[in-house]
N, C-alpha and C. Protein backbone atom coordinates (compact mmCIF):
# COMPACT_ATOMS: atom_id res chain seq x y z
N UNK A 1 -10.00 -8.59 -21.37
CA UNK A 1 -10.64 -8.06 -20.08
C UNK A 1 -10.31 -9.30 -19.21
N UNK A 2 -10.10 -8.99 -17.94
CA UNK A 2 -9.75 -9.59 -16.76
C UNK A 2 -11.01 -10.40 -16.48
N UNK A 3 -10.62 -12.01 -16.30
CA UNK A 3 -11.56 -12.60 -16.09
C UNK A 3 -11.58 -13.15 -14.43
N UNK A 4 -12.48 -13.51 -13.95
CA UNK A 4 -12.34 -13.74 -11.88
C UNK A 4 -12.99 -14.62 -11.61
N UNK A 5 -14.04 -15.05 -11.67
CA UNK A 5 -14.79 -16.01 -11.19
C UNK A 5 -15.83 -15.38 -10.16
N UNK A 6 -16.08 -15.77 -8.99
CA UNK A 6 -17.13 -15.70 -8.32
C UNK A 6 -17.61 -14.24 -7.79
N UNK A 7 -18.91 -13.84 -8.07
CA UNK A 7 -18.93 -12.09 -7.46
C UNK A 7 -19.13 -12.35 -5.99
N UNK A 8 -19.25 -11.05 -5.22
CA UNK A 8 -19.58 -10.63 -3.82
C UNK A 8 -20.57 -11.76 -3.70
N UNK A 9 -21.42 -11.40 -4.07
CA UNK A 9 -22.98 -11.86 -3.16
C UNK A 9 -23.35 -13.31 -3.45
N UNK A 10 -22.06 -14.26 -3.91
CA UNK A 10 -22.18 -15.67 -3.91
C UNK A 10 -21.67 -16.33 -3.09
N UNK A 11 -21.48 -17.56 -2.70
CA UNK A 11 -20.95 -18.14 -1.67
C UNK A 11 -19.62 -18.20 -2.21
N UNK A 12 -18.75 -18.18 -1.02
CA UNK A 12 -17.31 -18.56 -1.50
C UNK A 12 -16.72 -19.29 -0.84
N UNK A 13 -15.56 -19.80 -1.38
CA UNK A 13 -14.87 -21.19 -0.79
C UNK A 13 -13.42 -20.64 -1.00
N UNK A 14 -12.31 -21.41 -0.18
CA UNK A 14 -11.06 -21.30 0.08
C UNK A 14 -11.14 -19.89 0.77
N UNK A 15 -11.75 -18.84 1.49
CA UNK A 15 -11.16 -17.68 1.83
C UNK A 15 -10.32 -17.58 3.01
N UNK A 16 -10.38 -18.75 3.54
CA UNK A 16 -9.24 -18.91 4.95
C UNK A 16 -8.13 -18.48 4.46
N UNK A 17 -7.42 -18.71 3.04
CA UNK A 17 -6.20 -18.53 2.62
C UNK A 17 -6.22 -17.29 2.69
N UNK A 18 -7.14 -16.05 2.15
CA UNK A 18 -6.86 -14.90 2.16
C UNK A 18 -6.87 -14.35 3.39
N UNK A 19 -7.53 -14.74 4.47
CA UNK A 19 -7.45 -14.53 5.90
C UNK A 19 -6.40 -14.58 6.59
N UNK A 20 -5.90 -15.69 6.27
CA UNK A 20 -4.16 -15.95 6.75
C UNK A 20 -3.40 -15.02 6.11
N UNK A 21 -3.58 -15.04 5.09
CA UNK A 21 -2.67 -14.21 4.08
C UNK A 21 -2.67 -12.71 4.54
N UNK A 22 -3.36 -12.45 4.84
CA UNK A 22 -3.77 -10.62 5.25
C UNK A 22 -3.21 -10.75 6.38
N UNK A 23 -3.65 -11.90 7.64
CA UNK A 23 -3.29 -11.84 8.94
C UNK A 23 -1.61 -11.88 8.98
N UNK A 24 -0.81 -12.32 8.02
CA UNK A 24 0.37 -12.70 8.15
C UNK A 24 1.03 -11.06 8.14
N UNK A 25 0.79 -10.43 6.89
CA UNK A 25 0.83 -8.94 6.68
C UNK A 25 0.83 -8.39 7.67
N UNK A 26 -0.21 -8.26 8.39
CA UNK A 26 -1.00 -7.52 9.27
C UNK A 26 0.41 -7.44 10.50
N UNK A 27 0.29 -9.04 10.92
CA UNK A 27 1.45 -9.52 12.04
C UNK A 27 2.91 -8.89 11.85
N UNK A 28 3.51 -9.03 10.57
CA UNK A 28 4.27 -8.40 10.54
C UNK A 28 4.75 -6.96 10.94
N UNK A 29 3.93 -6.29 10.64
CA UNK A 29 3.71 -4.82 10.54
C UNK A 29 3.68 -4.44 11.45
N UNK A 30 2.99 -5.33 12.77
CA UNK A 30 2.12 -5.39 14.02
C UNK A 30 3.82 -5.26 14.65
N UNK A 31 4.49 -6.35 14.27
CA UNK A 31 5.83 -6.88 14.96
C UNK A 31 6.91 -5.74 15.09
N UNK A 32 7.09 -5.58 13.06
CA UNK A 32 8.15 -5.55 12.77
C UNK A 32 8.86 -3.93 13.13
N UNK A 33 7.75 -2.85 13.32
CA UNK A 33 7.80 -1.46 13.01
C UNK A 33 8.31 -1.18 14.80
N UNK A 34 7.36 -1.53 15.82
CA UNK A 34 7.98 -1.23 17.32
C UNK A 34 9.16 -1.82 17.54
N UNK A 35 9.59 -3.19 16.93
CA UNK A 35 10.77 -3.83 17.04
C UNK A 35 12.20 -3.17 16.84
N UNK A 36 11.52 -2.44 15.60
CA UNK A 36 12.97 -1.60 14.72
C UNK A 36 12.93 -0.20 15.82
N UNK A 37 11.57 0.29 15.97
CA UNK A 37 11.85 1.63 17.41
C UNK A 37 12.27 1.40 18.22
N UNK A 38 12.35 0.06 18.83
CA UNK A 38 12.64 -0.09 20.18
C UNK A 38 14.51 -0.27 19.66
N UNK A 39 14.70 -1.18 18.76
CA UNK A 39 16.73 -1.82 18.57
C UNK A 39 17.48 -0.23 18.08
N UNK A 40 16.42 0.44 17.22
CA UNK A 40 17.11 1.35 16.44
C UNK A 40 16.70 2.60 16.61
N UNK A 41 16.46 2.78 17.95
CA UNK A 41 15.88 4.37 18.35
C UNK A 41 16.78 5.46 18.23
N UNK A 42 17.69 5.15 18.37
CA UNK A 42 19.22 6.55 18.00
C UNK A 42 18.34 7.14 16.64
N UNK A 43 18.24 6.23 15.58
CA UNK A 43 18.39 6.65 14.22
C UNK A 43 16.88 7.21 13.74
N UNK A 44 15.98 7.31 14.71
CA UNK A 44 14.39 7.55 14.36
C UNK A 44 14.63 9.27 14.11
N UNK A 45 13.35 9.68 13.54
CA UNK A 45 13.15 10.87 13.50
C UNK A 45 12.33 11.12 14.89
N UNK A 46 12.20 12.61 15.35
CA UNK A 46 11.61 12.85 16.65
C UNK A 46 10.39 12.45 16.64
N UNK A 47 9.48 12.47 17.93
CA UNK A 47 8.43 11.84 17.80
C UNK A 47 7.46 12.98 17.46
N UNK A 48 6.54 12.73 16.71
CA UNK A 48 5.30 13.93 16.43
C UNK A 48 4.16 13.19 16.35
N UNK A 49 3.22 14.06 16.66
CA UNK A 49 1.97 13.68 16.18
C UNK A 49 1.71 13.07 14.68
N UNK A 50 2.59 13.91 13.58
CA UNK A 50 2.25 13.20 12.74
C UNK A 50 2.32 12.07 12.26
N UNK A 51 3.76 11.07 12.73
CA UNK A 51 4.29 9.99 12.74
C UNK A 51 3.40 9.00 13.36
N UNK A 52 2.82 9.25 14.48
CA UNK A 52 1.72 8.90 15.20
C UNK A 52 0.51 7.93 14.22
N UNK A 53 0.03 9.37 13.57
CA UNK A 53 -1.03 9.36 12.83
C UNK A 53 -0.88 8.89 11.68
N UNK A 54 0.47 8.51 11.12
CA UNK A 54 0.61 7.94 10.13
C UNK A 54 1.01 6.45 10.34
N UNK A 55 1.18 6.24 11.40
CA UNK A 55 1.68 4.77 11.92
C UNK A 55 -0.07 4.23 12.07
N UNK A 56 -0.69 4.71 12.76
CA UNK A 56 -2.07 4.50 13.01
C UNK A 56 -2.86 4.28 11.87
N UNK A 57 -2.91 5.12 10.97
CA UNK A 57 -3.25 4.66 9.35
C UNK A 57 -2.78 3.74 8.70
N UNK A 58 -1.55 3.56 8.39
CA UNK A 58 -1.20 2.49 8.20
C UNK A 58 -1.51 0.71 8.89
N UNK A 59 -1.36 0.73 10.14
CA UNK A 59 -1.62 -0.13 10.91
C UNK A 59 -3.12 -0.32 10.36
N UNK A 60 -3.97 0.38 10.41
CA UNK A 60 -5.35 0.43 10.35
C UNK A 60 -6.07 -0.42 9.10
N UNK A 61 -5.23 0.03 7.84
CA UNK A 61 -5.01 -0.47 6.64
C UNK A 61 -4.92 -1.97 6.66
N UNK A 62 -3.60 -2.61 7.51
CA UNK A 62 -3.75 -4.11 7.46
C UNK A 62 -4.76 -4.71 8.28
N UNK A 63 -5.09 -3.61 9.68
CA UNK A 63 -5.99 -4.56 10.29
C UNK A 63 -7.29 -4.86 9.21
N UNK A 64 -7.67 -3.68 8.78
CA UNK A 64 -8.95 -3.41 7.94
C UNK A 64 -9.20 -4.81 6.86
N UNK A 65 -7.75 -5.04 6.34
CA UNK A 65 -7.86 -6.08 5.33
C UNK A 65 -8.09 -7.54 6.04
N UNK A 66 -7.25 -7.77 7.49
CA UNK A 66 -8.09 -8.90 8.02
C UNK A 66 -9.36 -9.07 8.37
N UNK A 67 -9.87 -8.08 8.79
CA UNK A 67 -11.57 -8.07 9.26
C UNK A 67 -12.31 -8.25 7.63
N UNK A 68 -11.69 -7.56 6.83
CA UNK A 68 -12.54 -7.59 5.32
C UNK A 68 -12.65 -9.20 5.06
N UNK A 69 -11.46 -9.64 4.81
CA UNK A 69 -11.56 -10.75 4.67
C UNK A 69 -12.15 -12.08 5.62
N UNK A 70 -12.10 -11.61 6.72
CA UNK A 70 -12.94 -12.45 7.64
C UNK A 70 -14.45 -12.44 7.74
N UNK A 71 -14.78 -10.91 7.06
CA UNK A 71 -16.50 -10.97 6.68
C UNK A 71 -16.77 -11.72 5.39
N UNK A 72 -16.12 -11.56 4.51
CA UNK A 72 -16.28 -12.59 3.43
C UNK A 72 -16.13 -13.91 3.54
N UNK A 73 -15.31 -14.26 4.55
CA UNK A 73 -15.30 -15.81 4.95
C UNK A 73 -16.53 -16.11 5.84
N UNK A 74 -17.02 -15.17 6.35
CA UNK A 74 -18.28 -15.62 6.92
C UNK A 74 -19.76 -14.69 6.34
N UNK A 75 -19.37 -14.70 4.96
CA UNK A 75 -21.13 -14.69 4.72
C UNK A 75 -21.28 -13.05 5.10
N UNK A 76 -20.51 -12.38 5.33
CA UNK A 76 -20.92 -10.79 6.12
C UNK A 76 -20.91 -9.77 5.14
N UNK A 77 -21.64 -10.19 3.79
CA UNK A 77 -21.10 -9.48 2.38
C UNK A 77 -21.49 -7.81 2.68
N UNK A 78 -22.68 -7.36 3.06
CA UNK A 78 -23.30 -6.21 3.35
C UNK A 78 -21.80 -5.27 4.03
N UNK A 79 -21.83 -5.53 5.52
CA UNK A 79 -20.91 -4.80 5.93
C UNK A 79 -19.55 -4.76 5.47
N UNK A 80 -19.13 -5.80 4.75
CA UNK A 80 -17.71 -5.85 4.07
C UNK A 80 -17.84 -4.98 3.21
N UNK A 81 -18.90 -4.39 2.45
CA UNK A 81 -19.13 -3.74 1.46
C UNK A 81 -19.04 -2.22 2.16
N UNK A 82 -20.10 -2.00 2.92
CA UNK A 82 -19.89 -0.81 3.86
C UNK A 82 -18.74 -0.46 4.00
N UNK A 83 -17.58 -1.23 4.97
CA UNK A 83 -16.64 -1.14 5.13
C UNK A 83 -15.43 -0.47 3.93
N UNK A 84 -15.40 -1.26 2.95
CA UNK A 84 -14.68 -0.78 1.53
C UNK A 84 -15.18 0.33 1.36
N UNK A 85 -16.60 0.65 1.02
CA UNK A 85 -16.50 1.94 0.97
C UNK A 85 -15.96 3.30 1.78
N UNK A 86 -16.06 2.49 2.83
CA UNK A 86 -15.25 3.74 3.69
C UNK A 86 -13.95 3.50 3.91
N UNK A 87 -13.01 2.72 3.45
CA UNK A 87 -11.69 2.48 3.15
C UNK A 87 -11.47 3.44 2.58
N UNK A 88 -12.02 4.02 1.26
CA UNK A 88 -11.74 5.55 0.31
C UNK A 88 -10.70 6.55 1.23
N UNK A 89 -11.74 6.56 2.87
CA UNK A 89 -11.55 7.96 3.82
C UNK A 89 -9.72 7.14 3.87
N UNK A 90 -10.02 6.42 4.60
CA UNK A 90 -8.56 5.95 5.09
C UNK A 90 -7.44 5.85 4.12
N UNK A 91 -7.80 5.19 3.03
CA UNK A 91 -6.86 5.53 1.41
C UNK A 91 -6.07 6.90 1.79
N UNK A 92 -7.64 7.99 1.67
CA UNK A 92 -6.90 9.36 1.45
C UNK A 92 -5.92 9.84 2.51
N UNK A 93 -5.95 9.29 3.86
CA UNK A 93 -5.65 9.73 4.34
C UNK A 93 -4.37 9.33 4.74
N UNK A 94 -4.11 7.77 4.48
CA UNK A 94 -2.89 7.12 4.51
C UNK A 94 -1.96 7.31 3.53
N UNK A 95 -2.01 7.21 2.24
CA UNK A 95 -1.13 7.83 1.11
C UNK A 95 -0.32 9.03 0.97
N UNK A 96 -1.29 10.17 1.21
CA UNK A 96 -0.43 11.16 1.40
C UNK A 96 0.20 11.40 2.82
N UNK A 97 0.09 10.81 3.77
CA UNK A 97 0.69 11.46 5.03
C UNK A 97 2.22 10.44 4.80
N UNK A 98 2.18 9.01 3.96
CA UNK A 98 3.23 8.22 3.79
C UNK A 98 4.02 9.40 2.83
N UNK A 99 3.68 9.91 1.93
CA UNK A 99 4.62 10.61 0.97
C UNK A 99 5.10 11.32 1.82
N UNK A 100 4.46 12.30 2.45
CA UNK A 100 4.84 13.51 3.59
C UNK A 100 6.22 13.05 4.26
N UNK A 101 5.66 11.93 4.91
CA UNK A 101 6.27 11.41 5.87
C UNK A 101 7.74 11.03 5.34
N UNK A 102 7.76 10.56 4.08
CA UNK A 102 9.01 10.26 3.53
C UNK A 102 9.73 11.20 3.09
N UNK A 103 9.33 12.36 2.42
CA UNK A 103 9.71 13.73 2.47
C UNK A 103 10.65 14.08 3.50
N UNK A 104 10.00 14.36 4.89
CA UNK A 104 10.39 14.63 5.85
C UNK A 104 11.68 13.72 6.06
N UNK A 105 11.71 12.52 5.72
CA UNK A 105 12.91 11.91 6.49
C UNK A 105 14.16 11.76 5.37
N UNK A 106 13.75 12.40 3.81
CA UNK A 106 14.41 12.44 2.82
C UNK A 106 15.35 13.59 3.09
N UNK A 107 14.26 14.94 3.73
CA UNK A 107 15.18 16.15 4.31
C UNK A 107 15.95 16.10 5.50
N UNK A 108 15.88 15.17 6.10
CA UNK A 108 16.15 14.80 7.45
C UNK A 108 17.86 14.16 7.44
N UNK A 109 17.55 12.74 6.50
CA UNK A 109 18.75 12.01 6.59
C UNK A 109 19.56 12.29 5.05
N UNK A 110 19.02 13.22 3.82
CA UNK A 110 19.55 13.41 2.65
C UNK A 110 19.51 12.74 2.11
N UNK A 111 18.90 10.94 2.22
CA UNK A 111 18.83 10.01 1.07
C UNK A 111 17.38 10.51 0.53
N UNK A 112 17.86 10.60 -0.78
CA UNK A 112 16.49 10.79 -1.78
C UNK A 112 15.80 9.34 -2.10
N UNK A 113 16.57 8.39 -1.87
CA UNK A 113 16.00 7.14 -1.97
C UNK A 113 14.74 6.81 -1.26
N UNK A 114 15.05 7.19 0.10
CA UNK A 114 13.67 7.23 0.99
C UNK A 114 12.30 7.58 0.25
N UNK A 115 12.70 8.72 -0.21
CA UNK A 115 11.37 9.14 -0.85
C UNK A 115 10.81 8.74 -1.87
N UNK A 116 12.06 8.24 -2.90
CA UNK A 116 11.73 7.61 -4.05
C UNK A 116 10.83 6.44 -4.24
N UNK A 117 11.44 5.60 -3.22
CA UNK A 117 11.26 4.14 -2.98
C UNK A 117 9.64 4.18 -2.51
N UNK A 118 9.67 5.09 -1.49
CA UNK A 118 7.92 5.09 -1.01
C UNK A 118 7.04 5.77 -1.90
N UNK A 119 7.38 6.66 -3.25
CA UNK A 119 6.52 6.97 -3.94
C UNK A 119 6.37 5.79 -4.99
N UNK A 120 7.16 4.98 -5.08
CA UNK A 120 6.71 3.98 -6.15
C UNK A 120 6.15 2.83 -5.30
N UNK A 121 6.06 2.83 -3.90
CA UNK A 121 5.15 2.04 -3.34
C UNK A 121 3.80 2.25 -3.23
N UNK A 122 3.79 3.53 -2.94
CA UNK A 122 2.31 4.32 -2.85
C UNK A 122 1.63 4.51 -4.52
N UNK A 123 2.50 4.55 -5.60
CA UNK A 123 2.05 4.34 -6.71
C UNK A 123 1.22 2.64 -7.32
N UNK A 124 2.00 1.91 -6.63
CA UNK A 124 1.79 0.52 -7.06
C UNK A 124 0.26 -0.20 -5.99
N UNK A 125 0.44 0.79 -4.58
CA UNK A 125 -0.69 0.75 -3.94
C UNK A 125 -1.84 1.21 -4.89
N UNK A 126 -1.78 2.35 -5.19
CA UNK A 126 -3.11 3.02 -5.98
C UNK A 126 -3.30 2.01 -6.89
N UNK A 127 -2.40 1.92 -7.94
CA UNK A 127 -2.77 1.03 -9.20
C UNK A 127 -3.70 -0.60 -8.52
N UNK A 128 -2.77 -1.04 -7.56
CA UNK A 128 -3.94 -2.15 -7.63
C UNK A 128 -5.17 -2.13 -6.42
N UNK A 129 -5.33 -1.03 -5.98
CA UNK A 129 -6.64 -0.58 -5.10
C UNK A 129 -7.33 0.05 -5.70
N UNK A 130 -6.99 0.74 -6.86
CA UNK A 130 -8.05 1.02 -8.00
C UNK A 130 -8.95 -0.21 -9.10
N UNK A 131 -7.53 -1.41 -9.13
CA UNK A 131 -8.26 -2.31 -10.04
C UNK A 131 -8.69 -2.83 -9.00
N UNK A 132 -8.68 -3.09 -7.69
CA UNK A 132 -9.49 -3.84 -6.85
C UNK A 132 -11.17 -3.22 -6.81
N UNK A 133 -11.06 -1.69 -6.69
CA UNK A 133 -12.55 -0.89 -6.85
C UNK A 133 -13.24 -1.31 -8.15
N UNK A 134 -12.21 -1.53 -9.20
CA UNK A 134 -13.07 -1.47 -10.38
C UNK A 134 -13.74 -2.91 -10.84
N UNK A 135 -13.11 -3.92 -10.08
CA UNK A 135 -13.17 -5.20 -10.25
C UNK A 135 -13.68 -5.68 -8.86
N UNK A 136 -14.82 -4.80 -8.00
CA UNK A 136 -15.06 -5.24 -6.73
C UNK A 136 -16.11 -6.45 -6.92
N UNK A 137 -17.34 -6.36 -8.10
CA UNK A 137 -18.01 -7.48 -8.31
C UNK A 137 -17.83 -8.47 -8.51
N UNK A 138 -16.30 -8.45 -8.80
CA UNK A 138 -15.69 -10.23 -9.00
C UNK A 138 -14.85 -10.23 -7.98
N UNK A 139 -15.91 -11.25 -7.03
CA UNK A 139 -14.65 -11.65 -5.96
C UNK A 139 -13.45 -12.34 -6.13
N UNK A 140 -13.14 -13.10 -7.13
CA UNK A 140 -11.79 -13.70 -7.29
C UNK A 140 -11.04 -12.77 -7.57
N UNK A 141 -10.95 -11.82 -8.14
CA UNK A 141 -10.24 -10.28 -8.84
C UNK A 141 -10.16 -9.47 -7.59
N UNK A 142 -11.08 -9.24 -7.20
CA UNK A 142 -11.34 -8.28 -5.86
C UNK A 142 -10.46 -8.29 -5.07
N UNK A 143 -10.52 -9.69 -4.21
CA UNK A 143 -9.62 -9.70 -3.17
C UNK A 143 -8.16 -10.34 -3.42
N UNK A 144 -7.72 -10.77 -4.75
CA UNK A 144 -6.60 -10.77 -4.96
C UNK A 144 -5.65 -9.30 -5.43
N UNK A 145 -6.52 -8.39 -6.02
CA UNK A 145 -5.92 -7.27 -6.22
C UNK A 145 -5.84 -6.37 -4.82
N UNK A 146 -6.76 -6.56 -3.87
CA UNK A 146 -6.47 -5.75 -2.34
C UNK A 146 -5.30 -6.52 -1.86
N UNK A 147 -5.13 -7.75 -1.95
CA UNK A 147 -3.83 -8.73 -1.65
C UNK A 147 -2.64 -7.95 -1.73
N UNK A 148 -2.55 -7.80 -3.33
CA UNK A 148 -1.54 -7.11 -4.09
C UNK A 148 -1.20 -5.56 -3.37
N UNK A 149 -2.26 -4.84 -3.29
CA UNK A 149 -2.10 -3.13 -2.52
C UNK A 149 -1.56 -3.36 -1.57
N UNK A 150 -2.22 -4.92 -0.65
CA UNK A 150 -1.40 -4.32 0.62
C UNK A 150 0.11 -4.87 0.61
N UNK A 151 0.33 -5.48 0.01
CA UNK A 151 1.67 -5.89 -0.23
C UNK A 151 2.79 -4.94 -0.77
N UNK A 152 2.27 -4.38 -1.86
CA UNK A 152 2.72 -3.38 -2.11
C UNK A 152 3.36 -2.28 -1.24
N UNK A 153 3.01 -2.39 0.33
CA UNK A 153 3.29 -1.49 1.31
C UNK A 153 4.27 -2.18 2.44
N UNK A 154 4.62 -3.70 1.92
CA UNK A 154 5.36 -4.22 2.42
C UNK A 154 6.93 -4.01 2.75
N UNK A 155 7.52 -3.76 1.56
CA UNK A 155 8.98 -3.54 1.38
C UNK A 155 9.54 -2.86 2.85
N UNK A 156 8.90 -1.55 3.08
CA UNK A 156 9.28 -1.06 4.22
C UNK A 156 9.01 -1.45 5.50
N UNK A 157 8.15 -2.40 5.73
CA UNK A 157 7.99 -3.28 6.71
C UNK A 157 9.25 -4.17 6.89
N UNK A 158 9.32 -4.85 5.78
CA UNK A 158 10.21 -5.81 5.95
C UNK A 158 11.73 -5.34 5.59
N UNK A 159 12.25 -3.89 5.18
CA UNK A 159 12.93 -3.42 5.32
C UNK A 159 13.54 -3.09 7.10
N UNK A 160 12.36 -2.91 7.72
CA UNK A 160 13.25 -2.74 8.99
C UNK A 160 13.71 -4.14 9.50
N UNK A 161 13.36 -5.55 9.18
CA UNK A 161 14.02 -6.68 9.75
C UNK A 161 15.25 -6.73 9.10
N UNK A 162 15.49 -6.04 8.26
CA UNK A 162 16.95 -5.68 7.80
C UNK A 162 17.50 -4.89 8.62
N UNK A 163 17.30 -3.85 8.67
CA UNK A 163 17.75 -2.89 9.80
C UNK A 163 17.87 -3.61 11.17
N UNK A 164 16.83 -4.10 11.78
CA UNK A 164 17.50 -4.81 12.94
C UNK A 164 18.54 -5.92 13.02
N UNK A 165 18.31 -6.68 12.09
CA UNK A 165 19.23 -7.97 12.02
C UNK A 165 20.62 -7.35 11.21
N UNK A 166 21.02 -6.44 10.64
CA UNK A 166 21.84 -5.47 9.92
C UNK A 166 22.23 -6.48 8.78
N UNK A 167 21.13 -7.02 8.04
CA UNK A 167 21.29 -7.43 6.60
C UNK A 167 21.57 -6.31 5.83
N UNK A 168 21.99 -6.79 4.33
CA UNK A 168 22.34 -6.27 3.34
C UNK A 168 20.59 -5.90 2.97
N UNK A 169 20.53 -4.46 2.39
CA UNK A 169 19.36 -4.11 1.93
C UNK A 169 18.28 -4.83 1.06
N UNK A 170 18.85 -5.83 0.36
CA UNK A 170 18.38 -6.43 -0.69
C UNK A 170 17.81 -8.04 -0.46
N UNK A 171 18.34 -8.39 1.41
CA UNK A 171 18.33 -9.51 1.44
C UNK A 171 16.49 -9.85 2.15
N UNK A 172 16.21 -8.62 2.17
CA UNK A 172 14.66 -8.99 2.47
C UNK A 172 13.55 -9.11 1.70
N UNK A 173 14.35 -9.09 0.00
CA UNK A 173 13.72 -9.35 -1.02
C UNK A 173 13.05 -10.63 -1.39
N UNK A 174 13.70 -11.89 -0.96
CA UNK A 174 13.42 -13.13 -0.87
C UNK A 174 12.06 -13.16 -0.35
N UNK A 175 11.66 -12.81 0.86
CA UNK A 175 10.84 -12.85 1.73
C UNK A 175 9.65 -12.00 1.00
N UNK A 176 9.82 -10.91 0.24
CA UNK A 176 8.83 -10.40 -0.25
C UNK A 176 8.15 -11.20 -1.14
N UNK A 177 9.26 -11.67 -2.04
CA UNK A 177 8.76 -12.75 -3.10
C UNK A 177 8.09 -13.75 -2.74
N UNK A 178 8.58 -14.19 -1.43
CA UNK A 178 7.99 -15.39 -1.21
C UNK A 178 6.15 -15.29 -0.93
N UNK A 179 6.29 -14.03 -0.33
CA UNK A 179 4.33 -13.33 -0.47
C UNK A 179 3.65 -13.32 -1.68
N UNK A 180 4.54 -12.65 -2.10
CA UNK A 180 3.72 -12.31 -3.66
C UNK A 180 3.71 -13.69 -4.49
N UNK A 181 4.42 -14.87 -4.58
CA UNK A 181 4.54 -15.84 -4.87
C UNK A 181 3.37 -17.22 -4.46
N UNK A 182 3.15 -16.38 -3.08
CA UNK A 182 2.22 -17.46 -2.36
C UNK A 182 0.67 -17.26 -3.36
N UNK A 183 0.79 -16.04 -3.85
CA UNK A 183 -1.22 -16.03 -4.65
C UNK A 183 -0.92 -16.70 -5.70
N UNK A 184 0.06 -16.70 -6.80
CA UNK A 184 -0.43 -17.88 -7.87
C UNK A 184 0.00 -19.52 -7.68
N UNK A 185 0.55 -19.24 -6.20
CA UNK A 185 0.53 -20.94 -5.85
C UNK A 185 -0.48 -21.49 -5.33
N UNK A 186 -1.25 -20.66 -4.56
CA UNK A 186 -2.47 -20.92 -3.80
C UNK A 186 -3.38 -21.23 -5.49
N UNK A 187 -3.54 -20.41 -6.47
CA UNK A 187 -4.36 -20.41 -7.61
C UNK A 187 -4.17 -21.95 -8.09
N UNK A 188 -2.89 -22.11 -8.39
CA UNK A 188 -2.14 -23.41 -9.08
C UNK A 188 -2.89 -24.63 -8.45
N UNK A 189 -2.76 -24.70 -7.02
CA UNK A 189 -3.02 -25.72 -5.99
C UNK A 189 -4.56 -25.84 -6.14
N UNK A 190 -5.73 -24.64 -5.94
CA UNK A 190 -6.73 -24.92 -5.77
C UNK A 190 -7.33 -24.55 -7.16
N UNK A 191 -7.08 -23.87 -7.74
CA UNK A 191 -7.91 -23.98 -9.50
C UNK A 191 -7.29 -24.80 -10.36
N UNK A 192 -6.04 -25.02 -10.52
CA UNK A 192 -5.46 -25.71 -11.18
C UNK A 192 -4.79 -24.64 -12.70
N UNK A 193 -4.75 -23.23 -11.85
CA UNK A 193 -4.69 -22.57 -13.30
C UNK A 193 -4.38 -21.10 -12.19
N UNK A 194 -3.58 -20.22 -12.96
CA UNK A 194 -3.10 -19.07 -12.07
C UNK A 194 -4.24 -17.68 -12.63
N UNK A 195 -4.85 -17.03 -11.74
CA UNK A 195 -5.85 -16.41 -11.82
C UNK A 195 -5.50 -15.08 -12.58
N UNK A 196 -6.06 -14.36 -13.38
CA UNK A 196 -6.16 -13.15 -14.12
C UNK A 196 -5.34 -12.03 -13.17
N UNK A 197 -5.79 -11.91 -11.71
CA UNK A 197 -5.27 -10.74 -11.10
C UNK A 197 -3.64 -11.08 -10.44
N UNK A 198 -3.64 -12.44 -10.15
CA UNK A 198 -2.22 -12.95 -9.71
C UNK A 198 -1.46 -12.60 -11.00
N UNK A 199 -1.64 -13.28 -12.22
CA UNK A 199 -0.86 -12.83 -13.33
C UNK A 199 -0.32 -11.46 -13.65
N UNK A 200 -1.28 -10.23 -13.34
CA UNK A 200 -1.23 -8.85 -13.26
C UNK A 200 -0.32 -8.73 -12.29
N UNK A 201 -0.11 -9.16 -10.93
CA UNK A 201 0.69 -8.99 -9.94
C UNK A 201 1.81 -9.16 -10.44
N UNK A 202 2.16 -10.56 -10.94
CA UNK A 202 3.53 -11.03 -11.34
C UNK A 202 4.03 -9.94 -12.57
N UNK A 203 3.41 -9.35 -13.33
CA UNK A 203 3.57 -8.88 -14.34
C UNK A 203 4.22 -7.60 -13.90
N UNK A 204 3.56 -6.74 -13.12
CA UNK A 204 3.67 -5.66 -12.65
C UNK A 204 4.80 -5.48 -11.57
N UNK A 205 4.91 -6.80 -10.66
CA UNK A 205 5.83 -6.74 -9.92
C UNK A 205 7.49 -7.18 -10.40
N UNK A 206 7.46 -7.34 -11.45
CA UNK A 206 8.72 -7.32 -12.44
C UNK A 206 9.12 -5.90 -12.34
N UNK A 207 8.54 -5.00 -13.16
CA UNK A 207 8.47 -3.62 -13.29
C UNK A 207 8.64 -2.73 -12.11
N UNK A 208 8.21 -2.88 -11.25
CA UNK A 208 8.35 -2.77 -9.28
C UNK A 208 9.48 -2.97 -9.17
N UNK A 209 9.91 -3.98 -8.85
CA UNK A 209 11.31 -4.39 -8.40
C UNK A 209 12.36 -3.86 -9.36
N UNK A 210 11.97 -3.70 -10.65
CA UNK A 210 12.95 -3.45 -11.25
C UNK A 210 13.31 -1.73 -11.23
N UNK A 211 12.30 -1.02 -11.03
CA UNK A 211 12.65 0.40 -10.69
C UNK A 211 13.24 0.65 -9.18
N UNK A 212 12.68 -0.20 -8.23
CA UNK A 212 13.33 -0.35 -7.37
C UNK A 212 14.68 -0.30 -7.07
N UNK A 213 15.29 -1.13 -7.84
CA UNK A 213 16.58 -1.86 -8.31
C UNK A 213 17.30 -0.67 -8.87
N UNK A 214 16.79 0.33 -9.73
CA UNK A 214 17.48 1.31 -10.26
C UNK A 214 17.80 2.47 -9.17
N UNK A 215 16.60 2.70 -8.48
CA UNK A 215 16.44 3.75 -7.07
C UNK A 215 17.54 3.20 -6.24
N UNK A 216 17.81 2.18 -6.10
CA UNK A 216 18.87 1.80 -5.19
C UNK A 216 18.12 2.14 -3.56
N UNK A 217 19.08 1.40 -2.89
CA UNK A 217 18.80 1.33 -1.36
C UNK A 217 19.63 2.48 -0.83
N UNK A 218 18.85 3.06 0.26
CA UNK A 218 19.63 4.39 1.04
C UNK A 218 21.04 3.97 1.26
N UNK A 219 21.78 5.47 1.17
CA UNK A 219 22.99 5.34 1.56
C UNK A 219 23.18 5.08 3.08
N UNK A 220 24.49 4.07 3.16
CA UNK A 220 24.56 3.89 4.57
C UNK A 220 25.27 4.76 5.50
């Protein structure tokens, strides 16, 4: 059974790390997707309301994680929990939209990897999000699983960095790994041991990356 430390209704320490971690993810998404749209506008699908809703829902998730970590850091656990419940609605919109947009992109480009990779991302997100809900009364586990859930959606954003800079598709993987390893590194620095949630994240990430390598990048 996973062990996690402080409960949500107890005083928190070290929340600034999770606030800045979530803020980093949000800023990457906020900057990279518009930049890619500007630089590679000729390669983008036709603009439709569905794409706008998808972009808003995805951006809202990352913005929500910033707000949630800030609320915990300032002791506003009641509002944090209410927004956490409301996040079920956002996730219920965001995940199906992501799959549908990826499916349409696969039909448009003929590259099945787009759909397969994003299906893996959505599956990883659902696993971490489910664990975060399951251990929502353990603050140490809950917040790490939420960060891992957000991280599972980051490769598409980082992939846009590769497109903009015309890099090999795998060139952005070290960036993603750096974000992943920041969690156990923080555990070791602050707690002198790796939290159970971070261990789970490391183990599942081996499987996750292995599946993505088997799928391969989209054809040039």
